[in-house]
Amino acid sequence: MKKKLFGYIMASGLTLGVMAAANSTAFAASKNETSSSTVVERTNGSTTNMDDATQQKVDDIMKKAQEKLQKLGVNLPEHKGGPFNNLDADTKKKAKAIMDQLRDGTLTKEQAEAK
């Protein structure tokens, strides 16, 4: 009886630990260009801006992975470029300015839709 109870307790503890790890936020440390101190950024699953060399490495790895997947018969969908992909440059700037104002709280959702 004690072994069975101990097994249940250990299984539930491991389950809670896995769930907590999956729902926690990730922190990424990066060097600040102006000083030697380390800046910790909260990523929470989102990508950060990369320099050109790192972006090139990522693109190469993704290209190789897509080629291997195509050999296996798996086709991945292409990225469409986001919600502002089909707009010209001036309209993109205006839309991004409206989105920034909406995030800052200077505009309400109704005002942003009207603009």
C-alpha atoms as a PDB file:
ATOM      1  CA  MET A   1       0.000   0.000   0.000  1.00  0.00           C
ATOM      2  CA  LYS A   2       2.820   2.388   0.895  1.00  0.00           C
ATOM      3  CA  LYS A   3       4.613   1.703  -2.394  1.00  0.00           C
ATOM      4  CA  LYS A   4       1.460   2.400  -4.381  1.00  0.00           C
ATOM      5  CA  LEU A   5       0.798   5.668  -2.530  1.00  0.00           C
ATOM      6  CA  PHE A   6       4.430   6.695  -2.968  1.00  0.00           C
ATOM      7  CA  GLY A   7       4.177   5.975  -6.705  1.00  0.00           C
ATOM      8  CA  TYR A   8       1.078   8.142  -7.033  1.00  0.00           C
ATOM      9  CA  ILE A   9       2.729  11.001  -5.159  1.00  0.00           C
ATOM     10  CA  MET A  10       5.876  10.817  -7.310  1.00  0.00           C
ATOM     11  CA  ALA A  11       3.879  10.667 -10.557  1.00  0.00           C
ATOM     12  CA  SER A  12       1.771  13.673  -9.597  1.00  0.00           C
ATOM     13  CA  GLY A  13       4.876  15.611  -8.530  1.00  0.00           C
ATOM     14  CA  LEU A  14       6.573  14.919 -11.848  1.00  0.00           C
ATOM     15  CA  THR A  15       3.424  15.920 -13.721  1.00  0.00           C
ATOM     16  CA  LEU A  16       3.205  19.223 -11.877  1.00  0.00           C
ATOM     17  CA  GLY A  17       6.903  19.862 -12.495  1.00  0.00           C
ATOM     18  CA  VAL A  18       6.561  19.297 -16.231  1.00  0.00           C
ATOM     19  CA  MET A  19       3.486  21.502 -16.421  1.00  0.00           C
ATOM     20  CA  ALA A  20       5.222  24.297 -14.497  1.00  0.00           C
ATOM     21  CA  ALA A  21       8.277  24.123 -16.744  1.00  0.00           C
ATOM     22  CA  ALA A  22       6.158  24.270 -19.888  1.00  0.00           C
ATOM     23  CA  ASN A  23       4.256  27.349 -18.704  1.00  0.00           C
ATOM     24  CA  SER A  24       7.206  29.343 -17.377  1.00  0.00           C
ATOM     25  CA  THR A  25       8.706  32.305 -19.203  1.00  0.00           C
ATOM     26  CA  ALA A  26      12.171  32.145 -20.681  1.00  0.00           C
ATOM     27  CA  PHE A  27      14.841  34.754 -20.065  1.00  0.00           C
ATOM     28  CA  ALA A  28      17.538  35.513 -22.604  1.00  0.00           C
ATOM     29  CA  ALA A  29      20.728  37.329 -21.674  1.00  0.00           C
ATOM     30  CA  SER A  30      22.313  39.618 -24.224  1.00  0.00           C
ATOM     31  CA  LYS A  31      25.281  41.960 -24.200  1.00  0.00           C
ATOM     32  CA  ASN A  32      24.527  45.653 -24.279  1.00  0.00           C
ATOM     33  CA  GLU A  33      26.561  47.362 -27.025  1.00  0.00           C
ATOM     34  CA  THR A  34      27.296  50.494 -24.974  1.00  0.00           C
ATOM     35  CA  SER A  35      28.504  48.783 -21.818  1.00  0.00           C
ATOM     36  CA  SER A  36      29.809  45.446 -20.656  1.00  0.00           C
ATOM     37  CA  SER A  37      26.802  44.717 -18.438  1.00  0.00           C
ATOM     38  CA  THR A  38      24.424  41.930 -19.356  1.00  0.00           C
ATOM     39  CA  VAL A  39      20.830  42.836 -20.149  1.00  0.00           C
ATOM     40  CA  VAL A  40      18.172  40.223 -19.482  1.00  0.00           C
ATOM     41  CA  GLU A  41      15.232  40.313 -21.886  1.00  0.00           C
ATOM     42  CA  ARG A  42      11.978  38.510 -21.384  1.00  0.00           C
ATOM     43  CA  THR A  43      11.294  36.426 -24.489  1.00  0.00           C
ATOM     44  CA  ASN A  44       8.233  34.322 -23.614  1.00  0.00           C
ATOM     45  CA  GLY A  45       8.502  32.360 -26.848  1.00  0.00           C
ATOM     46  CA  SER A  46       8.881  35.283 -29.227  1.00  0.00           C
ATOM     47  CA  THR A  47      11.821  35.885 -31.495  1.00  0.00           C
ATOM     48  CA  THR A  48      14.191  38.784 -30.997  1.00  0.00           C
ATOM     49  CA  ASN A  49      16.048  40.896 -33.529  1.00  0.00           C
ATOM     50  CA  MET A  50      19.153  39.133 -34.816  1.00  0.00           C
ATOM     51  CA  ASP A  51      22.211  40.436 -36.564  1.00  0.00           C
ATOM     52  CA  ASP A  52      22.782  39.570 -40.219  1.00  0.00           C
ATOM     53  CA  ALA A  53      25.236  36.718 -39.569  1.00  0.00           C
ATOM     54  CA  THR A  54      22.898  34.973 -37.141  1.00  0.00           C
ATOM     55  CA  GLN A  55      19.925  35.491 -39.452  1.00  0.00           C
ATOM     56  CA  GLN A  56      21.932  33.971 -42.323  1.00  0.00           C
ATOM     57  CA  LYS A  57      22.763  30.921 -40.186  1.00  0.00           C
ATOM     58  CA  VAL A  58      19.098  30.504 -39.279  1.00  0.00           C
ATOM     59  CA  ASP A  59      18.077  30.800 -42.936  1.00  0.00           C
ATOM     60  CA  ASP A  60      20.675  28.188 -43.956  1.00  0.00           C
ATOM     61  CA  ILE A  61      19.499  25.758 -41.280  1.00  0.00           C
ATOM     62  CA  MET A  62      15.856  26.266 -42.251  1.00  0.00           C
ATOM     63  CA  LYS A  63      16.673  25.730 -45.937  1.00  0.00           C
ATOM     64  CA  LYS A  64      18.516  22.480 -45.175  1.00  0.00           C
ATOM     65  CA  ALA A  65      15.666  21.296 -42.958  1.00  0.00           C
ATOM     66  CA  GLN A  66      13.095  22.059 -45.656  1.00  0.00           C
ATOM     67  CA  GLU A  67      15.156  20.169 -48.251  1.00  0.00           C
ATOM     68  CA  LYS A  68      15.360  17.122 -45.958  1.00  0.00           C
ATOM     69  CA  LEU A  69      11.637  17.284 -45.256  1.00  0.00           C
ATOM     70  CA  GLN A  70      10.857  17.516 -48.983  1.00  0.00           C
ATOM     71  CA  LYS A  71      12.946  14.391 -49.570  1.00  0.00           C
ATOM     72  CA  LEU A  72      10.733  12.666 -46.998  1.00  0.00           C
ATOM     73  CA  GLY A  73       7.619  13.938 -48.739  1.00  0.00           C
ATOM     74  CA  VAL A  74       6.637  16.662 -46.245  1.00  0.00           C
ATOM     75  CA  ASN A  75       5.776  20.101 -47.661  1.00  0.00           C
ATOM     76  CA  LEU A  76       5.730  23.078 -45.293  1.00  0.00           C
ATOM     77  CA  PRO A  77       3.541  26.113 -46.017  1.00  0.00           C
ATOM     78  CA  GLU A  78       5.272  29.306 -47.110  1.00  0.00           C
ATOM     79  CA  HIS A  79       5.136  32.394 -44.907  1.00  0.00           C
ATOM     80  CA  LYS A  80       2.799  35.025 -46.233  1.00  0.00           C
ATOM     81  CA  GLY A  81       4.686  37.982 -44.695  1.00  0.00           C
ATOM     82  CA  GLY A  82       2.136  39.189 -42.181  1.00  0.00           C
ATOM     83  CA  PRO A  83      -1.015  41.280 -42.234  1.00  0.00           C
ATOM     84  CA  PHE A  84       0.633  44.295 -43.941  1.00  0.00           C
ATOM     85  CA  ASN A  85       2.223  42.320 -46.783  1.00  0.00           C
ATOM     86  CA  ASN A  86      -0.055  43.558 -49.574  1.00  0.00           C
ATOM     87  CA  LEU A  87       0.166  47.275 -48.640  1.00  0.00           C
ATOM     88  CA  ASP A  88       2.456  49.919 -50.132  1.00  0.00           C
ATOM     89  CA  ALA A  89       5.176  51.575 -48.009  1.00  0.00           C
ATOM     90  CA  ASP A  90       3.178  54.697 -47.036  1.00  0.00           C
ATOM     91  CA  THR A  91       0.127  52.704 -46.025  1.00  0.00           C
ATOM     92  CA  LYS A  92       2.308  50.314 -44.001  1.00  0.00           C
ATOM     93  CA  LYS A  93       3.792  53.254 -42.076  1.00  0.00           C
ATOM     94  CA  LYS A  94       0.340  54.660 -41.342  1.00  0.00           C
ATOM     95  CA  ALA A  95      -0.993  51.263 -40.257  1.00  0.00           C
ATOM     96  CA  LYS A  96       1.984  50.628 -37.984  1.00  0.00           C
ATOM     97  CA  ALA A  97       1.595  54.100 -36.442  1.00  0.00           C
ATOM     98  CA  ILE A  98      -2.077  53.360 -35.737  1.00  0.00           C
ATOM     99  CA  MET A  99      -1.161  49.976 -34.210  1.00  0.00           C
ATOM    100  CA  ASP A 100       1.469  51.648 -31.989  1.00  0.00           C
ATOM    101  CA  GLN A 101      -1.084  54.218 -30.814  1.00  0.00           C
ATOM    102  CA  LEU A 102      -3.531  51.411 -30.100  1.00  0.00           C
ATOM    103  CA  ARG A 103      -0.909  49.561 -28.019  1.00  0.00           C
ATOM    104  CA  ASP A 104       0.013  52.753 -26.136  1.00  0.00           C
ATOM    105  CA  GLY A 105      -3.614  53.345 -25.269  1.00  0.00           C
ATOM    106  CA  THR A 106      -3.910  56.737 -26.988  1.00  0.00           C
ATOM    107  CA  LEU A 107      -6.519  55.287 -29.374  1.00  0.00           C
ATOM    108  CA  THR A 108      -9.453  53.043 -28.675  1.00  0.00           C
ATOM    109  CA  LYS A 109     -10.217  50.045 -30.874  1.00  0.00           C
ATOM    110  CA  GLU A 110     -13.127  51.862 -32.520  1.00  0.00           C
ATOM    111  CA  GLN A 111     -10.984  54.937 -33.310  1.00  0.00           C
ATOM    112  CA  ALA A 112      -8.247  52.730 -34.758  1.00  0.00           C
ATOM    113  CA  GLU A 113     -10.740  50.902 -36.993  1.00  0.00           C
ATOM    114  CA  ALA A 114     -12.138  54.246 -38.169  1.00  0.00           C
ATOM    115  CA  LYS A 115      -8.665  55.457 -39.138  1.00  0.00           C
END
